[in-house]
């Protein structure tokens, strides 16, 4: 019997006499079959816990619609582990685990224990990074009527534009594995509409994938010098793609997936109506190409806690992962040029997340026109984790980007919004960059009102940009900062974002930079 599960997550408070059951490897070696699968769907608050059994949390449970059964649907340790990982991807559940509940006469019963989070949330945030503010006001439900669908209405104001948007997403359209997404945005500088429907390779043994997407985007963009807007242009983009993929599934811990499709990507640039800055208008591009791709994945997942999250189960794949695609844009298809389109990705992990782990990744993409590389980028990233105790972890990362003949609308940027926390956003621009960060992370047991976990970090960043700014200014050389921060990780909300409050002190730059930078942000992790 195959175990398929659609939705997710929780923290486990159910006793199942685990000590009297064989371990997972023994169950698999004995070729036992799966009997009863019990869905234990816990509400937002655990009323069996005296700390959570009060009138406010009882009212919250009554108002919340628990995820419906149809959203959660021969014993194999890999299948059980992967099913739990699939569950944990969903934002409307906090954590997930699947484990044996009872074993008798070659039949094992499983318990799928999930706890919902509060999914109807006011989407209100004030973010400050790089000396600029971003304000968002809205309303979202990430588990509409318990069906796992997302609906969001929002108004966002930032340094680039003011936007009123509507979003709808369903990861399992019509109880299928098709993921649908719709976004409609009315912006101060244009409109942005996105529509996609994709059946992904949702599991290692998935045999096929297919889908497509449409993007219609019209916006004003700016080029920066030392964190200030210095030139502007208007961009209209029409993007359409459709693809199909196939695989023989998991074979001896390895998966090979082939993909083929077609892309229409047209970018039209012009001067801004009623400009306030000098114009810097990129060349138009129209690329129409068919492509073929190959992905190779090794099954080597590990679970951890207190690495990039606080008190949540985290899934890392330390196995090898390689992907590459090639396409040919041709004038006969309607493109404005002949070009070879290329992209590749590779990643690999080493060590153990229980002690010391190193995660490496590399990617490249671009095109070849008339024998020369254009808009080509090579990026490399290394992430190092050293677990010192349950409450302390040392983290370091090195990220590098090298560009060649970049399009004017694709500069390499570095600043307060891209990891150099003591500086204005988009402070430096060029064609290559290097960023180093070290953090001492702290995870506490403080759990105020049992609504959020608390952590903290002491950090240092250093980086620089090479190559001239597209507007001609020279890079500022090496820049660095030090600082400290507070981390607040809500545990009852589906927002699934961690609040960062950082204080950073720049150690270089020009005289216009404030000596102290205050950053308030929401991020997916630490």
Protein backbone atom coordinates (compact mmCIF):
# COMPACT_ATOMS: atom_id res chain seq x y z
CA UNK A 1 0.00 0.00 0.00
CA UNK A 2 1.25 3.47 -0.86
CA UNK A 3 0.92 6.17 1.75
CA UNK A 4 -0.09 9.48 0.14
CA UNK A 5 -0.58 12.59 2.23
CA UNK A 6 -1.62 15.98 1.05
CA UNK A 7 -1.47 18.41 3.97
CA UNK A 8 0.46 18.92 7.16
CA UNK A 9 1.78 19.68 10.31
CA UNK A 10 1.96 19.65 14.00
CA UNK A 11 3.84 19.02 17.16
CA UNK A 12 3.34 15.68 18.77
CA UNK A 13 1.67 15.24 22.08
CA UNK A 14 0.21 11.75 21.54
CA UNK A 15 1.70 8.75 23.34
CA UNK A 16 1.69 5.62 21.15
CA UNK A 17 3.81 3.24 23.19
CA UNK A 18 6.72 3.84 20.83
CA UNK A 19 9.11 2.00 23.10
CA UNK A 20 7.21 -1.26 22.58
CA UNK A 21 7.24 -1.03 18.77
CA UNK A 22 9.98 -2.19 16.39
CA UNK A 23 11.99 0.61 14.82
CA UNK A 24 11.32 1.72 11.23
CA UNK A 25 14.17 -0.31 9.72
CA UNK A 26 12.90 -3.52 11.37
CA UNK A 27 9.36 -2.90 10.12
CA UNK A 28 10.66 -2.42 6.59
CA UNK A 29 12.91 -5.49 6.70
CA UNK A 30 10.00 -7.61 7.93
CA UNK A 31 7.91 -6.41 4.93
CA UNK A 32 4.96 -5.53 7.12
CA UNK A 33 1.85 -4.03 5.56
CA UNK A 34 0.12 -0.83 6.61
CA UNK A 35 -3.16 -1.28 8.39
CA UNK A 36 -5.14 1.61 9.81
CA UNK A 37 -3.98 5.20 9.27
CA UNK A 38 -5.25 7.47 12.03
CA UNK A 39 -5.51 11.20 11.44
CA UNK A 40 -5.03 13.08 14.68
CA UNK A 41 -5.82 16.69 13.74
CA UNK A 42 -4.99 18.93 16.64
CA UNK A 43 -6.40 22.43 16.78
CA UNK A 44 -4.37 25.63 17.08
CA UNK A 45 -4.05 25.34 20.86
CA UNK A 46 -3.64 22.13 22.89
CA UNK A 47 -6.32 22.35 25.59
CA UNK A 48 -4.86 19.32 27.38
CA UNK A 49 -1.93 21.56 28.28
CA UNK A 50 -2.85 23.74 31.31
CA UNK A 51 -0.75 26.58 29.89
CA UNK A 52 -2.98 26.73 26.81
CA UNK A 53 -6.36 25.91 28.39
CA UNK A 54 -7.81 29.37 28.96
CA UNK A 55 -10.87 31.24 27.67
CA UNK A 56 -9.01 33.12 24.93
CA UNK A 57 -7.37 30.04 23.41
CA UNK A 58 -10.58 28.00 23.75
CA UNK A 59 -12.38 30.74 21.80
CA UNK A 60 -9.65 30.73 19.13
CA UNK A 61 -10.06 26.96 18.69
CA UNK A 62 -13.84 27.29 18.33
CA UNK A 63 -13.48 29.99 15.67
CA UNK A 64 -10.87 28.04 13.69
CA UNK A 65 -11.97 25.50 11.05
CA UNK A 66 -9.79 22.39 11.40
CA UNK A 67 -8.22 21.10 8.17
CA UNK A 68 -10.60 18.68 6.44
CA UNK A 69 -9.86 14.95 6.17
CA UNK A 70 -9.80 15.01 2.38
CA UNK A 71 -6.84 17.36 2.50
CA UNK A 72 -4.77 14.78 4.48
CA UNK A 73 -4.98 11.57 2.85
CA UNK A 74 3.66 -1.66 2.02
CA UNK A 75 5.49 0.00 4.87
CA UNK A 76 8.51 1.95 3.60
CA UNK A 77 10.65 4.12 5.85
CA UNK A 78 11.45 6.35 2.87
CA UNK A 79 7.78 6.75 1.92
CA UNK A 80 6.77 7.57 5.48
CA UNK A 81 9.58 10.11 5.88
CA UNK A 82 8.83 11.71 2.52
CA UNK A 83 5.10 11.91 3.26
CA UNK A 84 5.91 13.79 6.45
CA UNK A 85 8.14 16.17 4.48
CA UNK A 86 5.31 16.82 2.01
CA UNK A 87 3.03 17.67 4.92
CA UNK A 88 5.56 20.05 6.43
CA UNK A 89 5.65 22.14 3.24
CA UNK A 90 2.16 23.47 3.94
CA UNK A 91 1.90 26.78 5.76
CA UNK A 92 -1.45 26.02 7.42
CA UNK A 93 0.13 23.37 9.67
CA UNK A 94 2.92 23.92 12.15
CA UNK A 95 4.79 20.60 12.07
CA UNK A 96 4.18 16.99 11.07
CA UNK A 97 5.22 13.48 11.96
CA UNK A 98 4.11 10.02 10.87
CA UNK A 99 5.05 7.11 13.09
CA UNK A 100 3.95 3.57 13.96
CA UNK A 101 1.06 3.45 16.42
CA UNK A 102 0.47 -0.27 16.83
CA UNK A 103 2.10 -3.43 15.42
CA UNK A 104 0.54 -6.89 15.43
CA UNK A 105 0.69 -9.98 13.18
CA UNK A 106 2.67 -8.29 10.41
CA UNK A 107 0.38 -5.25 10.25
CA UNK A 108 1.44 -1.80 11.43
CA UNK A 109 -1.00 1.03 12.13
CA UNK A 110 0.23 4.56 11.57
CA UNK A 111 -0.61 7.85 13.24
CA UNK A 112 -0.51 11.05 11.20
CA UNK A 113 -0.54 13.79 13.83
CA UNK A 114 -1.09 17.37 12.73
CA UNK A 115 -1.77 20.64 14.48
CA UNK A 116 -3.33 23.53 12.63
CA UNK A 117 -2.19 27.11 12.95
CA UNK A 118 -4.41 30.18 12.84
CA UNK A 119 -4.80 30.90 9.12
CA UNK A 120 -7.11 33.95 8.97
CA UNK A 121 -4.67 36.75 9.68
CA UNK A 122 -4.48 40.49 9.30
CA UNK A 123 -1.52 40.92 6.96
CA UNK A 124 -0.01 44.02 8.56
CA UNK A 125 3.71 44.71 8.55
CA UNK A 126 6.15 47.58 8.70
CA UNK A 127 9.59 46.66 7.36
CA UNK A 128 12.71 48.78 7.41
CA UNK A 129 15.93 47.76 5.70
CA UNK A 130 18.62 49.69 3.91
CA UNK A 131 17.25 52.95 5.29
CA UNK A 132 13.89 52.53 3.52
CA UNK A 133 10.43 51.54 4.79
CA UNK A 134 7.97 49.03 3.41
CA UNK A 135 4.37 49.07 4.67
CA UNK A 136 1.88 46.31 4.02
CA UNK A 137 -1.79 46.21 5.09
CA UNK A 138 -4.08 43.36 4.14
CA UNK A 139 -6.04 40.25 5.05
CA UNK A 140 -5.18 36.64 4.23
CA UNK A 141 -6.47 33.14 4.83
CA UNK A 142 -4.02 30.35 4.01
CA UNK A 143 -6.52 27.55 4.71
CA UNK A 144 -9.83 28.81 3.34
CA UNK A 145 -12.71 26.84 4.89
CA UNK A 146 -10.20 24.16 5.88
CA UNK A 147 -9.47 23.32 2.22
CA UNK A 148 -5.82 24.38 2.11
CA UNK A 149 -6.45 27.29 -0.28
CA UNK A 150 -4.88 30.73 0.08
CA UNK A 151 -6.71 34.03 -0.47
CA UNK A 152 -4.96 37.36 0.13
CA UNK A 153 -5.91 41.02 -0.29
CA UNK A 154 -3.11 43.52 0.33
CA UNK A 155 -1.93 47.07 -0.14
CA UNK A 156 1.85 47.52 -0.19
CA UNK A 157 3.90 50.71 -0.21
CA UNK A 158 7.68 50.61 -0.71
CA UNK A 159 10.49 52.56 -2.29
CA UNK A 160 9.58 51.23 -5.76
CA UNK A 161 5.79 51.47 -5.92
CA UNK A 162 2.38 51.35 -4.26
CA UNK A 163 0.44 48.18 -5.05
CA UNK A 164 -3.10 46.87 -4.47
CA UNK A 165 -3.18 43.13 -5.06
CA UNK A 166 -5.34 40.00 -4.92
CA UNK A 167 -3.88 36.48 -4.71
CA UNK A 168 -5.39 33.00 -4.84
CA UNK A 169 -3.43 29.75 -4.54
CA UNK A 170 -4.44 26.11 -4.28
CA UNK A 171 -1.69 23.49 -3.93
CA UNK A 172 -4.14 20.68 -4.70
CA UNK A 173 -6.63 21.97 -7.25
CA UNK A 174 -9.70 19.73 -7.24
CA UNK A 175 -7.95 17.27 -4.88
CA UNK A 176 -5.24 16.75 -7.51
CA UNK A 177 -1.51 17.51 -7.35
CA UNK A 178 -1.99 20.52 -9.63
CA UNK A 179 -0.83 23.74 -7.98
CA UNK A 180 -2.75 26.81 -9.18
CA UNK A 181 -1.80 30.43 -8.59
CA UNK A 182 -3.43 33.73 -9.57
CA UNK A 183 -2.19 37.24 -8.77
CA UNK A 184 -3.70 40.51 -9.93
CA UNK A 185 -1.96 43.74 -8.92
CA UNK A 186 -2.82 47.36 -9.70
CA UNK A 187 0.37 49.33 -9.13
CA UNK A 188 1.20 53.01 -9.11
CA UNK A 189 3.61 52.44 -12.02
CA UNK A 190 1.63 49.85 -14.02
CA UNK A 191 -0.06 46.47 -13.64
CA UNK A 192 1.18 42.98 -12.81
CA UNK A 193 -0.78 39.78 -13.49
CA UNK A 194 0.36 36.19 -12.99
CA UNK A 195 -1.47 32.93 -13.74
CA UNK A 196 0.03 29.45 -13.42
CA UNK A 197 -1.07 25.82 -13.18
CA UNK A 198 1.64 23.25 -12.53
CA UNK A 199 1.70 19.59 -11.59
CA UNK A 200 5.21 19.38 -10.11
CA UNK A 201 7.45 16.43 -9.36
CA UNK A 202 5.97 16.52 -5.86
CA UNK A 203 7.75 13.38 -4.63
CA UNK A 204 10.90 11.48 -5.48
CA UNK A 205 8.93 8.69 -7.16
CA UNK A 206 6.63 10.97 -9.18
CA UNK A 207 6.68 9.87 -12.84
CA UNK A 208 5.50 12.99 -14.69
CA UNK A 209 5.10 16.72 -14.43
CA UNK A 210 3.45 19.38 -16.61
CA UNK A 211 2.26 22.93 -16.48
CA UNK A 212 2.45 26.46 -17.70
CA UNK A 213 2.42 30.06 -16.59
CA UNK A 214 1.63 33.53 -17.93
CA UNK A 215 3.14 36.80 -16.69
CA UNK A 216 2.01 40.26 -17.81
CA UNK A 217 4.02 42.96 -16.05
CA UNK A 218 4.38 46.72 -16.52
CA UNK A 219 6.57 48.67 -14.12
CA UNK A 220 8.99 51.53 -13.54
CA UNK A 221 12.48 50.50 -12.46
CA UNK A 222 15.47 52.53 -11.31
CA UNK A 223 19.24 52.27 -11.34
CA UNK A 224 21.07 53.21 -8.13
CA UNK A 225 24.30 54.94 -7.09
CA UNK A 226 25.30 54.72 -3.39
CA UNK A 227 21.76 53.79 -2.38
CA UNK A 228 20.05 56.66 -4.25
CA UNK A 229 18.01 56.47 -7.45
CA UNK A 230 20.05 57.94 -10.31
CA UNK A 231 18.21 56.91 -13.50
CA UNK A 232 14.92 55.28 -14.48
CA UNK A 233 13.10 53.37 -17.23
CA UNK A 234 9.75 51.70 -17.92
CA UNK A 235 9.58 47.95 -18.58
CA UNK A 236 6.77 45.88 -20.09
CA UNK A 237 7.18 42.13 -19.97
CA UNK A 238 5.11 39.38 -21.59
CA UNK A 239 6.19 35.90 -20.48
CA UNK A 240 4.52 32.60 -21.42
CA UNK A 241 5.84 29.10 -20.86
CA UNK A 242 4.54 25.55 -21.10
CA UNK A 243 6.42 22.35 -20.27
CA UNK A 244 6.17 18.63 -19.62
CA UNK A 245 8.44 16.31 -17.68
CA UNK A 246 8.89 12.58 -17.20
CA UNK A 247 10.88 10.25 -14.97
CA UNK A 248 11.33 6.55 -14.17
CA UNK A 249 11.03 7.43 -10.50
CA UNK A 250 13.37 6.63 -7.64
CA UNK A 251 15.96 3.99 -8.46
CA UNK A 252 18.55 3.04 -5.83
CA UNK A 253 18.31 6.44 -4.06
CA UNK A 254 18.63 8.41 -7.31
CA UNK A 255 16.05 10.17 -9.48
CA UNK A 256 16.45 11.33 -13.09
CA UNK A 257 13.91 13.72 -14.56
CA UNK A 258 13.67 15.00 -18.14
CA UNK A 259 11.81 18.17 -19.03
CA UNK A 260 10.96 19.84 -22.35
CA UNK A 261 9.01 22.98 -23.11
CA UNK A 262 8.77 26.31 -24.88
CA UNK A 263 9.20 29.90 -23.69
CA UNK A 264 8.10 33.27 -25.07
CA UNK A 265 9.85 36.07 -23.16
CA UNK A 266 9.45 39.62 -24.53
CA UNK A 267 10.77 42.72 -22.73
CA UNK A 268 10.03 46.20 -24.06
CA UNK A 269 11.75 49.23 -22.53
CA UNK A 270 10.97 52.94 -22.81
CA UNK A 271 11.43 56.24 -21.05
CA UNK A 272 9.16 56.93 -18.07
CA UNK A 273 6.23 59.25 -18.64
CA UNK A 274 6.66 62.41 -16.57
CA UNK A 275 10.21 61.45 -15.54
CA UNK A 276 11.87 62.77 -12.40
CA UNK A 277 15.31 61.28 -13.17
CA UNK A 278 17.52 60.92 -16.24
CA UNK A 279 16.54 58.07 -18.55
CA UNK A 280 18.68 54.95 -18.95
CA UNK A 281 16.71 52.70 -21.30
CA UNK A 282 17.85 49.07 -21.87
CA UNK A 283 17.61 47.46 -25.30
CA UNK A 284 14.43 45.55 -26.10
CA UNK A 285 14.61 41.74 -26.01
CA UNK A 286 12.35 39.11 -27.53
CA UNK A 287 13.37 35.53 -26.91
CA UNK A 288 11.32 32.59 -28.20
CA UNK A 289 12.82 29.19 -27.65
CA UNK A 290 12.23 25.51 -27.07
CA UNK A 291 14.28 23.87 -24.34
CA UNK A 292 15.17 20.49 -22.88
CA UNK A 293 16.39 19.88 -19.35
CA UNK A 294 17.70 17.12 -17.09
CA UNK A 295 17.58 16.95 -13.29
CA UNK A 296 19.33 14.36 -11.09
CA UNK A 297 18.45 14.13 -7.38
CA UNK A 298 19.96 11.96 -4.64
CA UNK A 299 17.74 10.97 -1.72
CA UNK A 300 19.72 11.91 1.38
CA UNK A 301 17.44 13.99 3.61
CA UNK A 302 18.10 14.93 7.20
CA UNK A 303 15.84 16.54 9.79
CA UNK A 304 17.00 19.19 12.23
CA UNK A 305 15.76 21.78 14.69
CA UNK A 306 17.09 25.16 15.74
CA UNK A 307 19.10 25.84 12.61
CA UNK A 308 17.20 28.25 10.33
CA UNK A 309 13.99 28.04 12.40
CA UNK A 310 13.16 28.06 16.13
CA UNK A 311 11.50 24.94 17.55
CA UNK A 312 10.28 23.62 14.18
CA UNK A 313 11.23 20.53 12.19
CA UNK A 314 13.46 21.49 9.27
CA UNK A 315 14.21 19.30 6.24
CA UNK A 316 17.60 19.43 4.48
CA UNK A 317 18.73 17.37 1.50
CA UNK A 318 22.47 16.74 1.83
CA UNK A 319 22.52 14.58 -1.28
CA UNK A 320 23.72 15.65 -4.71
CA UNK A 321 21.31 17.61 -6.89
CA UNK A 322 22.16 18.55 -10.47
CA UNK A 323 20.03 20.21 -13.14
CA UNK A 324 20.73 21.74 -16.54
CA UNK A 325 18.74 23.01 -19.50
CA UNK A 326 19.52 24.19 -23.01
CA UNK A 327 17.29 26.11 -25.40
CA UNK A 328 17.58 27.74 -28.80
CA UNK A 329 15.95 31.10 -29.55
CA UNK A 330 15.45 31.54 -33.29
CA UNK A 331 14.25 34.40 -35.47
CA UNK A 332 12.10 31.94 -37.42
CA UNK A 333 10.04 31.46 -34.24
CA UNK A 334 9.44 35.20 -33.88
CA UNK A 335 12.45 36.09 -31.71
CA UNK A 336 14.51 39.21 -32.41
CA UNK A 337 17.78 37.22 -32.28
CA UNK A 338 19.32 33.77 -32.53
CA UNK A 339 20.69 32.72 -29.13
CA UNK A 340 21.64 29.64 -27.16
CA UNK A 341 19.90 29.78 -23.76
CA UNK A 342 21.60 27.91 -20.92
CA UNK A 343 21.15 27.31 -17.20
CA UNK A 344 22.55 24.84 -14.67
CA UNK A 345 22.30 24.22 -10.93
CA UNK A 346 24.25 21.96 -8.56
CA UNK A 347 24.16 21.42 -4.78
CA UNK A 348 25.64 19.00 -2.25
CA UNK A 349 25.81 18.72 1.53
CA UNK A 350 28.51 17.29 3.76
CA UNK A 351 28.57 16.25 7.40
CA UNK A 352 25.70 15.94 9.86
CA UNK A 353 23.27 18.61 11.00
CA UNK A 354 23.50 17.18 14.50
CA UNK A 355 27.12 18.35 14.66
CA UNK A 356 28.75 20.12 11.71
CA UNK A 357 27.35 20.50 8.21
CA UNK A 358 28.47 22.29 5.05
CA UNK A 359 25.94 22.95 2.25
CA UNK A 360 27.35 23.98 -1.13
CA UNK A 361 25.48 25.22 -4.20
CA UNK A 362 26.37 26.70 -7.56
CA UNK A 363 24.37 27.98 -10.53
CA UNK A 364 24.89 29.62 -13.90
CA UNK A 365 22.60 31.02 -16.58
CA UNK A 366 22.67 33.32 -19.57
CA UNK A 367 22.72 33.19 -23.35
CA UNK A 368 25.24 32.96 -26.19
CA UNK A 369 24.78 35.36 -29.12
CA UNK A 370 27.09 35.42 -32.18
CA UNK A 371 29.62 33.29 -30.32
CA UNK A 372 29.77 35.55 -27.21
CA UNK A 373 28.21 35.11 -23.78
CA UNK A 374 25.61 37.73 -22.84
CA UNK A 375 23.87 38.39 -19.54
CA UNK A 376 25.81 35.43 -18.10
CA UNK A 377 26.08 34.91 -14.34
CA UNK A 378 27.86 32.35 -12.20
CA UNK A 379 26.88 32.18 -8.51
CA UNK A 380 28.31 30.06 -5.70
CA UNK A 381 27.14 29.74 -2.10
CA UNK A 382 28.47 27.92 0.96
CA UNK A 383 26.51 27.61 4.23
CA UNK A 384 28.22 26.25 7.34
CA UNK A 385 26.37 25.08 10.49
CA UNK A 386 28.08 24.08 13.74
CA UNK A 387 25.76 22.91 16.49
CA UNK A 388 27.22 23.93 19.85
CA UNK A 389 24.25 22.94 22.02
CA UNK A 390 20.47 22.80 21.85
CA UNK A 391 20.42 26.57 22.37
CA UNK A 392 23.49 27.75 20.46
CA UNK A 393 24.61 27.42 16.83
CA UNK A 394 27.41 29.03 14.84
CA UNK A 395 26.52 29.90 11.25
CA UNK A 396 28.66 31.25 8.40
CA UNK A 397 27.94 31.81 4.74
CA UNK A 398 29.89 32.92 1.68
CA UNK A 399 28.00 34.01 -1.44
CA UNK A 400 29.67 35.06 -4.71
CA UNK A 401 28.34 36.23 -8.07
CA UNK A 402 30.35 36.79 -11.25
CA UNK A 403 28.64 38.43 -14.23
CA UNK A 404 29.63 38.98 -17.86
CA UNK A 405 28.07 41.42 -20.35
CA UNK A 406 25.00 41.87 -18.16
CA UNK A 407 21.85 43.47 -19.53
CA UNK A 408 21.33 47.02 -18.24
CA UNK A 409 18.23 45.92 -16.31
CA UNK A 410 20.14 43.13 -14.52
CA UNK A 411 22.93 44.73 -12.45
CA UNK A 412 24.59 42.92 -9.54
CA UNK A 413 23.63 44.84 -6.38
CA UNK A 414 24.74 44.77 -2.75
CA UNK A 415 23.31 46.66 0.21
CA UNK A 416 21.01 46.63 3.22
CA UNK A 417 18.34 44.67 1.36
CA UNK A 418 20.73 41.95 0.17
CA UNK A 419 22.76 40.97 3.24
CA UNK A 420 25.01 43.97 4.00
CA UNK A 421 22.85 45.07 6.92
CA UNK A 422 24.72 48.24 7.92
CA UNK A 423 24.22 50.03 4.57
CA UNK A 424 21.48 51.57 2.42
CA UNK A 425 19.64 49.32 0.02
CA UNK A 426 21.24 48.78 -3.42
CA UNK A 427 24.27 50.68 -2.15
CA UNK A 428 26.75 49.20 -4.63
CA UNK A 429 26.18 48.02 -8.22
CA UNK A 430 28.49 46.29 -10.67
CA UNK A 431 28.85 42.98 -12.45
CA UNK A 432 30.30 40.79 -9.64
CA UNK A 433 30.12 40.64 -5.84
CA UNK A 434 31.22 38.72 -2.76
CA UNK A 435 29.40 38.63 0.60
CA UNK A 436 30.57 36.95 3.81
CA UNK A 437 28.42 36.63 6.94
CA UNK A 438 29.00 35.03 10.33
CA UNK A 439 26.36 34.68 13.03
CA UNK A 440 26.27 33.33 16.53
CA UNK A 441 22.68 32.20 16.91
CA UNK A 442 20.85 31.75 20.21
CA UNK A 443 17.63 29.78 20.79
CA UNK A 444 15.83 30.36 24.07
CA UNK A 445 13.07 28.51 25.95
CA UNK A 446 11.16 31.77 26.35
CA UNK A 447 7.66 31.20 24.93
CA UNK A 448 5.58 34.32 25.76
CA UNK A 449 1.84 33.54 25.95
CA UNK A 450 2.73 30.35 24.04
CA UNK A 451 2.40 32.34 20.81
CA UNK A 452 6.00 32.85 19.65
CA UNK A 453 9.48 31.43 20.15
CA UNK A 454 12.32 33.85 20.87
CA UNK A 455 15.91 33.81 19.65
CA UNK A 456 18.75 36.17 18.92
CA UNK A 457 21.96 36.64 16.96
CA UNK A 458 25.25 38.51 16.98
CA UNK A 459 26.55 39.01 13.45
CA UNK A 460 29.17 40.50 11.16
CA UNK A 461 28.90 41.08 7.39
CA UNK A 462 31.58 41.97 4.84
CA UNK A 463 31.29 42.38 1.10
CA UNK A 464 32.24 44.24 -2.02
CA UNK A 465 31.30 44.72 -5.67
CA UNK A 466 33.56 44.58 -8.73
CA UNK A 467 33.00 46.19 -12.10
CA UNK A 468 31.57 49.58 -12.92
CA UNK A 469 28.07 50.64 -11.99
CA UNK A 470 25.97 50.69 -15.20
CA UNK A 471 25.85 54.48 -14.79
CA UNK A 472 29.64 54.70 -14.67
CA UNK A 473 30.51 55.19 -10.97
CA UNK A 474 33.33 53.17 -9.44
CA UNK A 475 32.78 50.61 -6.63
CA UNK A 476 33.50 51.67 -3.04
CA UNK A 477 35.73 48.69 -2.19
CA UNK A 478 35.30 46.41 0.80
CA UNK A 479 32.45 47.27 3.19
CA UNK A 480 31.66 45.67 6.55
CA UNK A 481 29.33 45.94 9.52
CA UNK A 482 28.68 44.35 12.90
CA UNK A 483 25.49 44.11 14.95
CA UNK A 484 23.03 42.14 16.98
CA UNK A 485 19.40 41.17 16.60
CA UNK A 486 16.23 39.71 18.08
CA UNK A 487 14.27 36.90 16.40
CA UNK A 488 10.55 36.31 17.03
CA UNK A 489 9.03 33.18 15.44
CA UNK A 490 5.20 32.97 15.69
CA UNK A 491 3.99 29.41 16.29
CA UNK A 492 0.21 29.82 15.93
CA UNK A 493 0.01 31.75 12.67
CA UNK A 494 0.34 30.51 9.10
CA UNK A 495 2.33 33.59 8.13
CA UNK A 496 5.39 31.29 8.47
CA UNK A 497 7.73 34.24 8.74
CA UNK A 498 10.22 35.15 11.42
CA UNK A 499 10.40 38.74 12.63
CA UNK A 500 13.91 40.22 12.58
CA UNK A 501 14.82 43.27 14.63
CA UNK A 502 18.48 44.09 13.95
CA UNK A 503 20.80 46.89 14.99
CA UNK A 504 23.78 47.20 12.63
CA UNK A 505 26.85 49.44 12.74
CA UNK A 506 28.56 50.18 9.38
CA UNK A 507 32.35 50.16 9.43
CA UNK A 508 32.89 51.92 6.08
CA UNK A 509 31.17 53.66 3.21
CA UNK A 510 30.68 57.34 2.44
CA UNK A 511 29.87 60.09 4.94
CA UNK A 512 26.15 60.12 4.14
CA UNK A 513 25.56 56.76 5.88
CA UNK A 514 24.00 56.82 9.34
CA UNK A 515 26.28 55.43 12.05
CA UNK A 516 23.50 53.09 13.23
CA UNK A 517 21.05 51.20 11.03
CA UNK A 518 17.79 49.82 12.48
CA UNK A 519 16.27 46.98 10.47
CA UNK A 520 12.81 45.48 10.99
CA UNK A 521 12.03 42.65 8.57
CA UNK A 522 10.02 39.47 8.11
CA UNK A 523 11.95 36.54 6.65
CA UNK A 524 11.43 32.83 6.08
CA UNK A 525 14.25 31.90 8.41
CA UNK A 526 16.94 33.09 10.79
